[in-house]
Amino acid sequence: MIRLETILTPGRSLVNAPGGSKKKALEQIANLISREVTGLEMQDVYEALIAREKLGSTGFGNGIAIPHCRLKSCETPVSALLHLDAPIDFDAIDGAPVDLLFVLLVPQAATDAHLELLRQIASMLDRKEVRDKLRSASSNEALYQVVLDEQNGQ
C-alpha cells in the first residue's frame, strides 16, 4: 500500500499560502508542484486540476478540498498540502469556504491503489482533531509532521 508520507514532502506542505480564489489556489498548487517535481509542467497540472473541478467541486466540507486528477506526465502519485492564509469559496458540498487543500495527482492509468490514497486522505481529514492540528501548524515542517504522525498512528 502506498503511504501518504511517501508522496508528500515538507517542500510541498505550505502554511499561510495566499488563497484569493479557487483558480488562484489551483494555480499556486500547480506552480509549487512544477517547481518541486521534475517533468510536471505548471500549465499541465493547472489545466488538469481545473478540468477536474469542472466535473464537480472537490470541496468536501469542513473547510477542506481534495483537488485531484490524472496526468499523462505523472509517473507516480504526487501530493501537496496547503493551509491558506484565508478561506476561499470552493463550491464545497456544505457551502463552507475552504482553507485546507490536500492535492493528489496520479498517473493517467490510475489504479485501485490511487483510489485508496484518496480514501486515506479523506478519512484523515474527516477527523476534527486532525483538521485542528493542520490549521494550527505554524511552519511547513509542522504541517507535514501532522500528516506523518497521523500515518504512524500517533
Protein backbone atom coordinates (compact mmCIF):
# COMPACT_ATOMS: atom_id res chain seq x y z
CA MET A 1 0.00 0.00 0.00
CA ILE A 2 1.26 3.48 -0.85
CA ARG A 3 1.55 5.72 2.20
CA LEU A 4 0.88 9.45 2.18
CA GLU A 5 4.28 10.39 3.59
CA THR A 6 5.95 8.82 0.56
CA ILE A 7 4.12 11.15 -1.85
CA LEU A 8 4.05 14.34 0.25
CA THR A 9 7.20 16.30 1.17
CA PRO A 10 7.89 19.18 3.58
CA GLY A 11 8.63 21.23 0.43
CA ARG A 12 5.11 20.59 -0.83
CA SER A 13 3.50 21.44 2.53
CA LEU A 14 2.72 25.15 2.79
CA VAL A 15 1.28 27.21 5.65
CA ASN A 16 -0.18 30.69 5.13
CA ALA A 17 -0.41 30.13 1.39
CA PRO A 18 -2.18 33.04 -0.31
CA GLY A 19 -5.62 31.89 -1.48
CA GLY A 20 -7.68 34.67 -3.04
CA SER A 21 -9.85 32.45 -5.25
CA LYS A 22 -10.26 28.84 -6.30
CA LYS A 23 -8.39 29.45 -9.57
CA LYS A 24 -5.55 31.29 -7.82
CA ALA A 25 -5.21 28.49 -5.26
CA LEU A 26 -5.08 25.84 -8.02
CA GLU A 27 -2.54 27.98 -9.90
CA GLN A 28 -0.39 28.19 -6.79
CA ILE A 29 -0.59 24.40 -6.36
CA ALA A 30 0.45 23.90 -10.00
CA ASN A 31 3.39 26.31 -9.54
CA LEU A 32 4.51 24.58 -6.37
CA ILE A 33 4.33 21.09 -7.87
CA SER A 34 6.07 22.06 -11.12
CA ARG A 35 8.93 23.61 -9.09
CA GLU A 36 9.26 20.53 -6.88
CA VAL A 37 8.65 17.65 -9.29
CA THR A 38 10.77 17.18 -12.40
CA GLY A 39 8.74 16.54 -15.53
CA LEU A 40 5.47 18.09 -14.32
CA GLU A 41 4.71 21.34 -16.14
CA MET A 42 2.82 24.09 -14.34
CA GLN A 43 0.30 24.57 -17.18
CA ASP A 44 -0.44 20.82 -17.49
CA VAL A 45 -1.05 20.47 -13.75
CA TYR A 46 -3.21 23.60 -13.64
CA GLU A 47 -5.34 22.64 -16.64
CA ALA A 48 -5.87 19.10 -15.34
CA LEU A 49 -6.96 20.39 -11.91
CA ILE A 50 -9.32 22.96 -13.47
CA ALA A 51 -10.80 20.31 -15.78
CA ARG A 52 -11.43 18.05 -12.78
CA GLU A 53 -13.15 20.87 -10.85
CA LYS A 54 -15.47 21.43 -13.83
CA LEU A 55 -16.77 17.87 -13.35
CA GLY A 56 -17.71 18.74 -9.77
CA SER A 57 -16.12 20.55 -6.88
CA THR A 58 -13.53 18.67 -4.82
CA GLY A 59 -14.63 20.69 -1.78
CA PHE A 60 -15.52 18.01 0.79
CA GLY A 61 -16.94 20.22 3.55
CA ASN A 62 -15.48 21.31 6.90
CA GLY A 63 -13.19 23.77 5.12
CA ILE A 64 -11.42 21.02 3.15
CA ALA A 65 -10.84 20.44 -0.54
CA ILE A 66 -9.03 17.49 -2.09
CA PRO A 67 -8.19 18.63 -5.63
CA HIS A 68 -7.13 15.55 -7.57
CA CYS A 69 -6.65 14.49 -11.17
CA ARG A 70 -4.89 12.11 -13.51
CA LEU A 71 -1.93 13.39 -15.50
CA LYS A 72 -0.15 11.85 -18.50
CA SER A 73 3.21 13.28 -17.41
CA CYS A 74 2.82 11.98 -13.84
CA GLU A 75 4.73 8.73 -13.26
CA THR A 76 3.99 8.17 -9.57
CA PRO A 77 1.43 9.75 -7.24
CA VAL A 78 2.33 13.26 -6.06
CA SER A 79 0.72 15.15 -3.22
CA ALA A 80 0.78 18.69 -1.83
CA LEU A 81 -0.85 20.23 1.23
CA LEU A 82 -1.74 23.89 1.64
CA HIS A 83 -3.21 25.77 4.55
CA LEU A 84 -4.44 29.06 3.09
CA ASP A 85 -3.97 32.39 4.87
CA ALA A 86 -7.73 32.99 4.46
CA PRO A 87 -10.61 30.66 3.49
CA ILE A 88 -11.88 30.84 -0.10
CA ASP A 89 -15.12 29.85 -1.80
CA PHE A 90 -14.64 26.40 -3.34
CA ASP A 91 -18.24 25.37 -4.11
CA ALA A 92 -17.92 22.78 -1.33
CA ILE A 93 -20.87 20.47 -0.67
CA ASP A 94 -21.61 22.18 2.65
CA GLY A 95 -21.15 25.67 1.16
CA ALA A 96 -18.40 26.45 3.69
CA PRO A 97 -15.26 28.24 2.48
CA VAL A 98 -12.09 26.16 2.21
CA ASP A 99 -8.72 26.78 3.88
CA LEU A 100 -7.13 23.29 3.73
CA LEU A 101 -6.23 21.82 0.35
CA PHE A 102 -4.79 18.33 0.09
CA VAL A 103 -3.81 17.72 -3.53
CA LEU A 104 -3.37 14.35 -5.22
CA LEU A 105 -2.00 13.86 -8.74
CA VAL A 106 -1.89 10.33 -10.13
CA PRO A 107 -0.69 8.73 -13.37
CA GLN A 108 -3.13 8.52 -16.28
CA ALA A 109 -3.63 4.78 -15.72
CA ALA A 110 -4.86 5.22 -12.16
CA THR A 111 -5.43 2.04 -10.16
CA ASP A 112 -7.21 0.93 -7.01
CA ALA A 113 -4.07 1.97 -5.11
CA HIS A 114 -4.72 5.57 -6.18
CA LEU A 115 -8.33 5.38 -5.05
CA GLU A 116 -7.03 4.03 -1.76
CA LEU A 117 -4.78 7.12 -1.40
CA LEU A 118 -7.78 9.38 -1.96
CA ARG A 119 -9.69 7.42 0.67
CA GLN A 120 -6.77 7.72 3.13
CA ILE A 121 -6.66 11.49 2.65
CA ALA A 122 -10.44 11.88 3.00
CA SER A 123 -10.67 9.73 6.12
CA MET A 124 -7.75 11.52 7.77
CA LEU A 125 -9.27 14.95 7.05
CA ASP A 126 -12.65 13.74 8.23
CA ARG A 127 -11.39 13.88 11.82
CA LYS A 128 -11.79 17.23 13.54
CA GLU A 129 -8.64 16.86 15.68
CA VAL A 130 -6.55 16.35 12.53
CA ARG A 131 -8.05 19.43 10.88
CA ASP A 132 -7.39 21.44 14.05
CA LYS A 133 -3.75 20.27 14.16
CA LEU A 134 -3.26 21.14 10.48
CA ARG A 135 -4.80 24.58 10.99
CA SER A 136 -2.61 25.33 13.99
CA ALA A 137 0.67 24.20 12.36
CA SER A 138 2.98 27.21 12.35
CA SER A 139 5.52 26.05 9.76
CA ASN A 140 5.69 23.95 6.59
CA GLU A 141 7.56 21.25 8.52
CA ALA A 142 4.92 21.23 11.29
CA LEU A 143 2.17 20.85 8.69
CA TYR A 144 3.99 17.90 7.13
CA GLN A 145 4.61 16.41 10.59
CA VAL A 146 0.86 16.29 11.34
CA VAL A 147 0.38 14.02 8.31
CA LEU A 148 3.40 11.92 9.33
CA ASP A 149 2.08 11.49 12.87
CA GLU A 150 -1.37 10.53 11.59
CA GLN A 151 0.12 7.98 9.21
CA ASN A 152 2.13 6.48 12.03
CA GLY A 153 -0.92 6.33 14.29
CA GLN A 154 0.34 8.78 16.91
